[in-house]
Amino acid sequence: IDQLKSEGITHIERWDATHKVSPQQNIETNEAASST
């Protein structure tokens, strides 16, 4: 998180129906939260 902030990334928009995951933001995760 400190590394992201040092690169100027301090905020990432929340997902909504009109918002798609930006490749630049690269919000790929490896720890998953089950929809259930």
PDB file of all heavy atoms in Angstrom:
ATOM      1  N   ILE A   1       0.844  -1.197   0.000  1.00  0.00           N
ATOM      2  CA  ILE A   1       0.000   0.000   0.000  1.00  0.00           C
ATOM      3  C   ILE A   1       0.878   1.245   0.000  1.00  0.00           C
ATOM      4  O   ILE A   1       0.619   2.215  -0.730  1.00  0.00           O
ATOM      5  CB  ILE A   1      -0.963  -0.018   1.197  1.00  0.00           C
ATOM      6  CG1 ILE A   1      -2.089  -1.042   0.958  1.00  0.00           C
ATOM      7  CG2 ILE A   1      -1.566   1.366   1.434  1.00  0.00           C
ATOM      8  CD1 ILE A   1      -3.043  -1.208   2.111  1.00  0.00           C
ATOM      9  N   ASP A   2       1.932   1.226   0.820  1.00  0.00           N
ATOM     10  CA  ASP A   2       2.866   2.354   0.811  1.00  0.00           C
ATOM     11  C   ASP A   2       3.523   2.493  -0.562  1.00  0.00           C
ATOM     12  O   ASP A   2       3.774   3.616  -1.037  1.00  0.00           O
ATOM     13  CB  ASP A   2       3.936   2.165   1.889  1.00  0.00           C
ATOM     14  CG  ASP A   2       3.386   2.299   3.294  1.00  0.00           C
ATOM     15  OD1 ASP A   2       2.301   2.900   3.443  1.00  0.00           O
ATOM     16  OD2 ASP A   2       4.034   1.805   4.244  1.00  0.00           O
ATOM     17  N   GLN A   3       3.807   1.367  -1.202  1.00  0.00           N
ATOM     18  CA  GLN A   3       4.409   1.402  -2.538  1.00  0.00           C
ATOM     19  C   GLN A   3       3.442   2.023  -3.540  1.00  0.00           C
ATOM     20  O   GLN A   3       3.840   2.849  -4.386  1.00  0.00           O
ATOM     21  CB  GLN A   3       4.788  -0.015  -2.962  1.00  0.00           C
ATOM     22  CG  GLN A   3       5.631  -0.090  -4.214  1.00  0.00           C
ATOM     23  CD  GLN A   3       5.989  -1.514  -4.577  1.00  0.00           C
ATOM     24  OE1 GLN A   3       5.188  -2.226  -5.194  1.00  0.00           O
ATOM     25  NE2 GLN A   3       7.195  -1.944  -4.205  1.00  0.00           N
ATOM     26  N   LEU A   4       2.177   1.631  -3.472  1.00  0.00           N
ATOM     27  CA  LEU A   4       1.168   2.225  -4.349  1.00  0.00           C
ATOM     28  C   LEU A   4       1.076   3.734  -4.145  1.00  0.00           C
ATOM     29  O   LEU A   4       1.017   4.513  -5.114  1.00  0.00           O
ATOM     30  CB  LEU A   4      -0.197   1.573  -4.093  1.00  0.00           C
ATOM     31  CG  LEU A   4      -0.408   0.149  -4.632  1.00  0.00           C
ATOM     32  CD1 LEU A   4      -1.680  -0.446  -4.042  1.00  0.00           C
ATOM     33  CD2 LEU A   4      -0.490   0.161  -6.164  1.00  0.00           C
ATOM     34  N   LYS A   5       1.056   4.156  -2.892  1.00  0.00           N
ATOM     35  CA  LYS A   5       0.947   5.587  -2.601  1.00  0.00           C
ATOM     36  C   LYS A   5       2.153   6.346  -3.121  1.00  0.00           C
ATOM     37  O   LYS A   5       2.042   7.494  -3.577  1.00  0.00           O
ATOM     38  CB  LYS A   5       0.773   5.795  -1.095  1.00  0.00           C
ATOM     39  CG  LYS A   5      -0.586   5.332  -0.573  1.00  0.00           C
ATOM     40  CD  LYS A   5      -0.731   5.586   0.917  1.00  0.00           C
ATOM     41  CE  LYS A   5      -2.116   5.183   1.411  1.00  0.00           C
ATOM     42  NZ  LYS A   5      -2.275   5.416   2.875  1.00  0.00           N
ATOM     43  N   SER A   6       3.335   5.707  -3.033  1.00  0.00           N
ATOM     44  CA  SER A   6       4.541   6.373  -3.549  1.00  0.00           C
ATOM     45  C   SER A   6       4.476   6.549  -5.064  1.00  0.00           C
ATOM     46  O   SER A   6       5.166   7.409  -5.631  1.00  0.00           O
ATOM     47  CB  SER A   6       5.786   5.566  -3.169  1.00  0.00           C
ATOM     48  OG  SER A   6       5.832   4.329  -3.872  1.00  0.00           O
ATOM     49  N   GLU A   7       3.649   5.717  -5.724  1.00  0.00           N
ATOM     50  CA  GLU A   7       3.465   5.816  -7.171  1.00  0.00           C
ATOM     51  C   GLU A   7       2.283   6.711  -7.525  1.00  0.00           C
ATOM     52  O   GLU A   7       1.911   6.816  -8.696  1.00  0.00           O
ATOM     53  CB  GLU A   7       3.258   4.420  -7.758  1.00  0.00           C
ATOM     54  CG  GLU A   7       4.456   3.495  -7.553  1.00  0.00           C
ATOM     55  CD  GLU A   7       4.152   2.057  -7.941  1.00  0.00           C
ATOM     56  OE1 GLU A   7       3.015   1.812  -8.430  1.00  0.00           O
ATOM     57  OE2 GLU A   7       5.014   1.182  -7.750  1.00  0.00           O
ATOM     58  N   GLY A   8       1.667   7.313  -6.532  1.00  0.00           N
ATOM     59  CA  GLY A   8       0.557   8.226  -6.764  1.00  0.00           C
ATOM     60  C   GLY A   8      -0.804   7.570  -6.765  1.00  0.00           C
ATOM     61  O   GLY A   8      -1.814   8.230  -7.045  1.00  0.00           O
ATOM     62  N   ILE A   9      -0.871   6.281  -6.436  1.00  0.00           N
ATOM     63  CA  ILE A   9      -2.167   5.577  -6.391  1.00  0.00           C
ATOM     64  C   ILE A   9      -2.658   5.575  -4.952  1.00  0.00           C
ATOM     65  O   ILE A   9      -2.207   4.788  -4.121  1.00  0.00           O
ATOM     66  CB  ILE A   9      -2.030   4.134  -6.915  1.00  0.00           C
ATOM     67  CG1 ILE A   9      -1.459   4.124  -8.329  1.00  0.00           C
ATOM     68  CG2 ILE A   9      -3.387   3.420  -6.879  1.00  0.00           C
ATOM     69  CD1 ILE A   9      -1.178   2.734  -8.871  1.00  0.00           C
ATOM     70  N   THR A  10      -3.560   6.465  -4.639  1.00  0.00           N
ATOM     71  CA  THR A  10      -4.086   6.574  -3.275  1.00  0.00           C
ATOM     72  C   THR A  10      -5.568   6.230  -3.198  1.00  0.00           C
ATOM     73  O   THR A  10      -6.114   6.103  -2.100  1.00  0.00           O
ATOM     74  CB  THR A  10      -3.881   8.000  -2.748  1.00  0.00           C
ATOM     75  OG1 THR A  10      -4.563   8.928  -3.613  1.00  0.00           O
ATOM     76  CG2 THR A  10      -2.393   8.348  -2.693  1.00  0.00           C
ATOM     77  N   HIS A  11      -6.213   6.079  -4.360  1.00  0.00           N
ATOM     78  CA  HIS A  11      -7.652   5.797  -4.351  1.00  0.00           C
ATOM     79  C   HIS A  11      -8.011   4.992  -5.586  1.00  0.00           C
ATOM     80  O   HIS A  11      -7.512   5.256  -6.679  1.00  0.00           O
ATOM     81  CB  HIS A  11      -8.458   7.096  -4.333  1.00  0.00           C
ATOM     82  CG  HIS A  11      -9.943   6.874  -4.391  1.00  0.00           C
ATOM     83  ND1 HIS A  11     -10.674   6.377  -3.337  1.00  0.00           N
ATOM     84  CD2 HIS A  11     -10.833   7.071  -5.412  1.00  0.00           C
ATOM     85  CE1 HIS A  11     -11.948   6.285  -3.674  1.00  0.00           C
ATOM     86  NE2 HIS A  11     -12.073   6.705  -4.931  1.00  0.00           N
ATOM     87  N   ILE A  12      -8.868   3.997  -5.412  1.00  0.00           N
ATOM     88  CA  ILE A  12      -9.386   3.189  -6.517  1.00  0.00           C
ATOM     89  C   ILE A  12     -10.901   3.172  -6.403  1.00  0.00           C
ATOM     90  O   ILE A  12     -11.448   2.878  -5.331  1.00  0.00           O
ATOM     91  CB  ILE A  12      -8.820   1.758  -6.475  1.00  0.00           C
ATOM     92  CG1 ILE A  12      -7.296   1.794  -6.652  1.00  0.00           C
ATOM     93  CG2 ILE A  12      -9.470   0.884  -7.549  1.00  0.00           C
ATOM     94  CD1 ILE A  12      -6.631   0.446  -6.529  1.00  0.00           C
ATOM     95  N   GLU A  13     -11.559   3.511  -7.490  1.00  0.00           N
ATOM     96  CA  GLU A  13     -13.016   3.590  -7.476  1.00  0.00           C
ATOM     97  C   GLU A  13     -13.639   2.229  -7.185  1.00  0.00           C
ATOM     98  O   GLU A  13     -13.113   1.188  -7.577  1.00  0.00           O
ATOM     99  CB  GLU A  13     -13.528   4.100  -8.831  1.00  0.00           C
ATOM    100  CG  GLU A  13     -13.169   5.543  -9.135  1.00  0.00           C
ATOM    101  CD  GLU A  13     -13.861   6.513  -8.205  1.00  0.00           C
ATOM    102  OE1 GLU A  13     -14.975   6.186  -7.724  1.00  0.00           O
ATOM    103  OE2 GLU A  13     -13.290   7.590  -7.932  1.00  0.00           O
ATOM    104  N   ARG A  14     -14.758   2.275  -6.492  1.00  0.00           N
ATOM    105  CA  ARG A  14     -15.499   1.034  -6.258  1.00  0.00           C
ATOM    106  C   ARG A  14     -16.182   0.578  -7.546  1.00  0.00           C
ATOM    107  O   ARG A  14     -16.531   1.389  -8.401  1.00  0.00           O
ATOM    108  CB  ARG A  14     -16.556   1.239  -5.163  1.00  0.00           C
ATOM    109  CG  ARG A  14     -15.976   1.608  -3.809  1.00  0.00           C
ATOM    110  CD  ARG A  14     -17.086   1.700  -2.777  1.00  0.00           C
ATOM    111  NE  ARG A  14     -16.572   2.222  -1.514  1.00  0.00           N
ATOM    112  CZ  ARG A  14     -17.323   2.431  -0.439  1.00  0.00           C
ATOM    113  NH1 ARG A  14     -18.624   2.144  -0.482  1.00  0.00           N
ATOM    114  NH2 ARG A  14     -16.784   2.915   0.657  1.00  0.00           N
ATOM    115  N   TRP A  15     -16.381  -0.735  -7.632  1.00  0.00           N
ATOM    116  CA  TRP A  15     -17.063  -1.281  -8.797  1.00  0.00           C
ATOM    117  C   TRP A  15     -18.549  -0.983  -8.713  1.00  0.00           C
ATOM    118  O   TRP A  15     -19.159  -1.037  -7.645  1.00  0.00           O
ATOM    119  CB  TRP A  15     -16.859  -2.799  -8.857  1.00  0.00           C
ATOM    120  CG  TRP A  15     -17.344  -3.417 -10.136  1.00  0.00           C
ATOM    121  CD1 TRP A  15     -16.610  -3.673 -11.239  1.00  0.00           C
ATOM    122  CD2 TRP A  15     -18.675  -3.839 -10.424  1.00  0.00           C
ATOM    123  NE1 TRP A  15     -17.374  -4.241 -12.222  1.00  0.00           N
ATOM    124  CE2 TRP A  15     -18.660  -4.347 -11.749  1.00  0.00           C
ATOM    125  CE3 TRP A  15     -19.878  -3.831  -9.718  1.00  0.00           C
ATOM    126  CZ2 TRP A  15     -19.811  -4.846 -12.372  1.00  0.00           C
ATOM    127  CZ3 TRP A  15     -21.015  -4.323 -10.338  1.00  0.00           C
ATOM    128  CH2 TRP A  15     -20.979  -4.825 -11.651  1.00  0.00           C
ATOM    129  N   ASP A  16     -19.146  -0.621  -9.891  1.00  0.00           N
ATOM    130  CA  ASP A  16     -20.606  -0.564  -9.992  1.00  0.00           C
ATOM    131  C   ASP A  16     -20.984  -1.049 -11.377  1.00  0.00           C
ATOM    132  O   ASP A  16     -20.132  -1.442 -12.170  1.00  0.00           O
ATOM    133  CB  ASP A  16     -21.140   0.843  -9.682  1.00  0.00           C
ATOM    134  CG  ASP A  16     -20.571   1.904 -10.614  1.00  0.00           C
ATOM    135  OD1 ASP A  16     -20.353   1.589 -11.799  1.00  0.00           O
ATOM    136  OD2 ASP A  16     -20.335   3.031 -10.150  1.00  0.00           O
ATOM    137  N   ALA A  17     -22.259  -1.003 -11.681  1.00  0.00           N
ATOM    138  CA  ALA A  17     -22.737  -1.598 -12.932  1.00  0.00           C
ATOM    139  C   ALA A  17     -22.152  -0.919 -14.156  1.00  0.00           C
ATOM    140  O   ALA A  17     -22.062  -1.525 -15.227  1.00  0.00           O
ATOM    141  CB  ALA A  17     -24.268  -1.545 -12.985  1.00  0.00           C
ATOM    142  N   THR A  18     -21.772   0.353 -14.023  1.00  0.00           N
ATOM    143  CA  THR A  18     -21.222   1.071 -15.179  1.00  0.00           C
ATOM    144  C   THR A  18     -19.710   1.134 -15.141  1.00  0.00           C
ATOM    145  O   THR A  18     -19.084   1.660 -16.044  1.00  0.00           O
ATOM    146  CB  THR A  18     -21.771   2.511 -15.199  1.00  0.00           C
ATOM    147  OG1 THR A  18     -21.379   3.177 -13.996  1.00  0.00           O
ATOM    148  CG2 THR A  18     -23.282   2.493 -15.317  1.00  0.00           C
ATOM    149  N   HIS A  19     -19.111   0.596 -14.075  1.00  0.00           N
ATOM    150  CA  HIS A  19     -17.660   0.688 -13.899  1.00  0.00           C
ATOM    151  C   HIS A  19     -17.032  -0.667 -14.174  1.00  0.00           C
ATOM    152  O   HIS A  19     -17.431  -1.672 -13.605  1.00  0.00           O
ATOM    153  CB  HIS A  19     -17.329   1.133 -12.468  1.00  0.00           C
ATOM    154  CG  HIS A  19     -15.854   1.156 -12.189  1.00  0.00           C
ATOM    155  ND1 HIS A  19     -15.018   2.095 -12.738  1.00  0.00           N
ATOM    156  CD2 HIS A  19     -15.087   0.354 -11.423  1.00  0.00           C
ATOM    157  CE1 HIS A  19     -13.786   1.872 -12.322  1.00  0.00           C
ATOM    158  NE2 HIS A  19     -13.800   0.814 -11.521  1.00  0.00           N
ATOM    159  N   LYS A  20     -16.071  -0.706 -15.063  1.00  0.00           N
ATOM    160  CA  LYS A  20     -15.372  -1.938 -15.385  1.00  0.00           C
ATOM    161  C   LYS A  20     -13.993  -1.909 -14.737  1.00  0.00           C
ATOM    162  O   LYS A  20     -13.432  -0.850 -14.496  1.00  0.00           O
ATOM    163  CB  LYS A  20     -15.219  -2.103 -16.897  1.00  0.00           C
ATOM    164  CG  LYS A  20     -16.545  -2.067 -17.631  1.00  0.00           C
ATOM    165  CD  LYS A  20     -17.409  -3.233 -17.236  1.00  0.00           C
ATOM    166  CE  LYS A  20     -18.685  -3.263 -18.037  1.00  0.00           C
ATOM    167  NZ  LYS A  20     -19.596  -2.150 -17.741  1.00  0.00           N
ATOM    168  N   VAL A  21     -13.456  -3.058 -14.479  1.00  0.00           N
ATOM    169  CA  VAL A  21     -12.140  -3.146 -13.878  1.00  0.00           C
ATOM    170  C   VAL A  21     -11.113  -2.624 -14.862  1.00  0.00           C
ATOM    171  O   VAL A  21     -10.986  -3.127 -15.974  1.00  0.00           O
ATOM    172  CB  VAL A  21     -11.809  -4.593 -13.491  1.00  0.00           C
ATOM    173  CG1 VAL A  21     -10.418  -4.678 -12.886  1.00  0.00           C
ATOM    174  CG2 VAL A  21     -12.836  -5.113 -12.517  1.00  0.00           C
ATOM    175  N   SER A  22     -10.364  -1.610 -14.498  1.00  0.00           N
ATOM    176  CA  SER A  22      -9.387  -0.999 -15.383  1.00  0.00           C
ATOM    177  C   SER A  22      -8.121  -1.829 -15.451  1.00  0.00           C
ATOM    178  O   SER A  22      -7.593  -2.227 -14.421  1.00  0.00           O
ATOM    179  CB  SER A  22      -9.040   0.410 -14.882  1.00  0.00           C
ATOM    180  OG  SER A  22      -7.916   0.911 -15.573  1.00  0.00           O
ATOM    181  N   PRO A  23      -7.600  -2.097 -16.666  1.00  0.00           N
ATOM    182  CA  PRO A  23      -6.344  -2.836 -16.762  1.00  0.00           C
ATOM    183  C   PRO A  23      -5.207  -2.120 -16.046  1.00  0.00           C
ATOM    184  O   PRO A  23      -4.308  -2.748 -15.509  1.00  0.00           O
ATOM    185  CB  PRO A  23      -6.097  -2.914 -18.276  1.00  0.00           C
ATOM    186  CG  PRO A  23      -7.435  -2.703 -18.913  1.00  0.00           C
ATOM    187  CD  PRO A  23      -8.171  -1.786 -17.997  1.00  0.00           C
ATOM    188  N   GLN A  24      -5.258  -0.765 -16.052  1.00  0.00           N
ATOM    189  CA  GLN A  24      -4.199  -0.028 -15.379  1.00  0.00           C
ATOM    190  C   GLN A  24      -4.226  -0.250 -13.875  1.00  0.00           C
ATOM    191  O   GLN A  24      -3.193  -0.270 -13.203  1.00  0.00           O
ATOM    192  CB  GLN A  24      -4.316   1.479 -15.688  1.00  0.00           C
ATOM    193  CG  GLN A  24      -3.963   1.852 -17.122  1.00  0.00           C
ATOM    194  CD  GLN A  24      -5.081   1.521 -18.089  1.00  0.00           C
ATOM    195  OE1 GLN A  24      -6.228   1.301 -17.674  1.00  0.00           O
ATOM    196  NE2 GLN A  24      -4.747   1.454 -19.371  1.00  0.00           N
ATOM    197  N   GLN A  25      -5.450  -0.374 -13.373  1.00  0.00           N
ATOM    198  CA  GLN A  25      -5.549  -0.611 -11.927  1.00  0.00           C
ATOM    199  C   GLN A  25      -5.226  -2.061 -11.596  1.00  0.00           C
ATOM    200  O   GLN A  25      -4.786  -2.369 -10.497  1.00  0.00           O
ATOM    201  CB  GLN A  25      -6.960  -0.271 -11.437  1.00  0.00           C
ATOM    202  CG  GLN A  25      -7.247   1.224 -11.536  1.00  0.00           C
ATOM    203  CD  GLN A  25      -8.704   1.533 -11.315  1.00  0.00           C
ATOM    204  OE1 GLN A  25      -9.540   0.645 -11.374  1.00  0.00           O
ATOM    205  NE2 GLN A  25      -9.008   2.791 -11.084  1.00  0.00           N
ATOM    206  N   ASN A  26      -5.432  -2.962 -12.577  1.00  0.00           N
ATOM    207  CA  ASN A  26      -5.006  -4.365 -12.444  1.00  0.00           C
ATOM    208  C   ASN A  26      -5.476  -4.972 -11.131  1.00  0.00           C
ATOM    209  O   ASN A  26      -4.688  -5.466 -10.345  1.00  0.00           O
ATOM    210  CB  ASN A  26      -3.478  -4.457 -12.558  1.00  0.00           C
ATOM    211  CG  ASN A  26      -3.036  -5.911 -12.716  1.00  0.00           C
ATOM    212  OD1 ASN A  26      -3.803  -6.735 -13.177  1.00  0.00           O
ATOM    213  ND2 ASN A  26      -1.810  -6.201 -12.336  1.00  0.00           N
ATOM    214  N   ILE A  27      -6.761  -4.904 -10.904  1.00  0.00           N
ATOM    215  CA  ILE A  27      -7.277  -5.421  -9.642  1.00  0.00           C
ATOM    216  C   ILE A  27      -7.539  -6.910  -9.785  1.00  0.00           C
ATOM    217  O   ILE A  27      -8.662  -7.368  -9.766  1.00  0.00           O
ATOM    218  CB  ILE A  27      -8.550  -4.669  -9.219  1.00  0.00           C
ATOM    219  CG1 ILE A  27      -8.309  -3.166  -9.291  1.00  0.00           C
ATOM    220  CG2 ILE A  27      -8.952  -5.038  -7.807  1.00  0.00           C
ATOM    221  CD1 ILE A  27      -9.505  -2.348  -8.921  1.00  0.00           C
ATOM    222  N   GLU A  28      -6.465  -7.641  -9.980  1.00  0.00           N
ATOM    223  CA  GLU A  28      -6.534  -9.096  -9.959  1.00  0.00           C
ATOM    224  C   GLU A  28      -6.101  -9.534  -8.578  1.00  0.00           C
ATOM    225  O   GLU A  28      -5.112  -9.032  -8.066  1.00  0.00           O
ATOM    226  CB  GLU A  28      -5.593  -9.699 -11.004  1.00  0.00           C
ATOM    227  CG  GLU A  28      -5.514 -11.202 -10.928  1.00  0.00           C
ATOM    228  CD  GLU A  28      -4.369 -11.732 -11.782  1.00  0.00           C
ATOM    229  OE1 GLU A  28      -3.649 -10.925 -12.391  1.00  0.00           O
ATOM    230  OE2 GLU A  28      -4.197 -12.950 -11.801  1.00  0.00           O
ATOM    231  N   THR A  29      -6.837 -10.405  -7.949  1.00  0.00           N
ATOM    232  CA  THR A  29      -6.501 -10.810  -6.595  1.00  0.00           C
ATOM    233  C   THR A  29      -6.343 -12.302  -6.503  1.00  0.00           C
ATOM    234  O   THR A  29      -6.880 -13.040  -7.310  1.00  0.00           O
ATOM    235  CB  THR A  29      -7.601 -10.377  -5.602  1.00  0.00           C
ATOM    236  OG1 THR A  29      -8.720 -11.185  -5.842  1.00  0.00           O
ATOM    237  CG2 THR A  29      -7.947  -8.930  -5.751  1.00  0.00           C
ATOM    238  N   ASN A  30      -5.598 -12.692  -5.517  1.00  0.00           N
ATOM    239  CA  ASN A  30      -5.352 -14.112  -5.312  1.00  0.00           C
ATOM    240  C   ASN A  30      -6.009 -14.625  -4.058  1.00  0.00           C
ATOM    241  O   ASN A  30      -6.015 -15.811  -3.825  1.00  0.00           O
ATOM    242  CB  ASN A  30      -3.857 -14.374  -5.202  1.00  0.00           C
ATOM    243  CG  ASN A  30      -3.149 -13.995  -6.480  1.00  0.00           C
ATOM    244  OD1 ASN A  30      -3.756 -13.410  -7.360  1.00  0.00           O
ATOM    245  ND2 ASN A  30      -1.893 -14.321  -6.562  1.00  0.00           N
ATOM    246  N   GLU A  31      -6.496 -13.735  -3.217  1.00  0.00           N
ATOM    247  CA  GLU A  31      -7.213 -14.190  -2.029  1.00  0.00           C
ATOM    248  C   GLU A  31      -8.666 -13.886  -2.285  1.00  0.00           C
ATOM    249  O   GLU A  31      -9.046 -12.736  -2.432  1.00  0.00           O
ATOM    250  CB  GLU A  31      -6.709 -13.467  -0.784  1.00  0.00           C
ATOM    251  CG  GLU A  31      -5.290 -13.829  -0.485  1.00  0.00           C
ATOM    252  CD  GLU A  31      -4.823 -13.189   0.780  1.00  0.00           C
ATOM    253  OE1 GLU A  31      -5.238 -13.620   1.852  1.00  0.00           O
ATOM    254  OE2 GLU A  31      -4.047 -12.252   0.696  1.00  0.00           O
ATOM    255  N   ALA A  32      -9.462 -14.868  -2.406  1.00  0.00           N
ATOM    256  CA  ALA A  32     -10.816 -14.681  -2.882  1.00  0.00           C
ATOM    257  C   ALA A  32     -11.817 -14.737  -1.768  1.00  0.00           C
ATOM    258  O   ALA A  32     -11.660 -15.474  -0.846  1.00  0.00           O
ATOM    259  CB  ALA A  32     -11.136 -15.768  -3.883  1.00  0.00           C
ATOM    260  N   ALA A  33     -12.844 -13.926  -1.896  1.00  0.00           N
ATOM    261  CA  ALA A  33     -13.928 -13.969  -0.938  1.00  0.00           C
ATOM    262  C   ALA A  33     -15.118 -14.584  -1.629  1.00  0.00           C
ATOM    263  O   ALA A  33     -15.606 -14.063  -2.604  1.00  0.00           O
ATOM    264  CB  ALA A  33     -14.256 -12.576  -0.445  1.00  0.00           C
ATOM    265  N   SER A  34     -15.532 -15.697  -1.168  1.00  0.00           N
ATOM    266  CA  SER A  34     -16.609 -16.448  -1.803  1.00  0.00           C
ATOM    267  C   SER A  34     -17.897 -15.646  -1.805  1.00  0.00           C
ATOM    268  O   SER A  34     -18.225 -14.960  -0.858  1.00  0.00           O
ATOM    269  CB  SER A  34     -16.822 -17.757  -1.048  1.00  0.00           C
ATOM    270  OG  SER A  34     -18.016 -18.349  -1.455  1.00  0.00           O
ATOM    271  N   SER A  35     -18.605 -15.715  -2.930  1.00  0.00           N
ATOM    272  CA  SER A  35     -19.885 -15.016  -3.022  1.00  0.00           C
ATOM    273  C   SER A  35     -20.893 -15.577  -2.042  1.00  0.00           C
ATOM    274  O   SER A  35     -21.897 -14.940  -1.738  1.00  0.00           O
ATOM    275  CB  SER A  35     -20.429 -15.117  -4.449  1.00  0.00           C
ATOM    276  OG  SER A  35     -20.591 -16.479  -4.791  1.00  0.00           O
ATOM    277  N   THR A  36     -20.627 -16.754  -1.553  1.00  0.00           N
ATOM    278  CA  THR A  36     -21.534 -17.351  -0.566  1.00  0.00           C
ATOM    279  C   THR A  36     -21.152 -16.970   0.849  1.00  0.00           C
ATOM    280  O   THR A  36     -21.811 -17.369   1.788  1.00  0.00           O
ATOM    281  CB  THR A  36     -21.508 -18.876  -0.681  1.00  0.00           C
ATOM    282  OG1 THR A  36     -20.180 -19.337  -0.395  1.00  0.00           O
ATOM    283  CG2 THR A  36     -21.881 -19.322  -2.081  1.00  0.00           C
TER     284      THR A  36
END
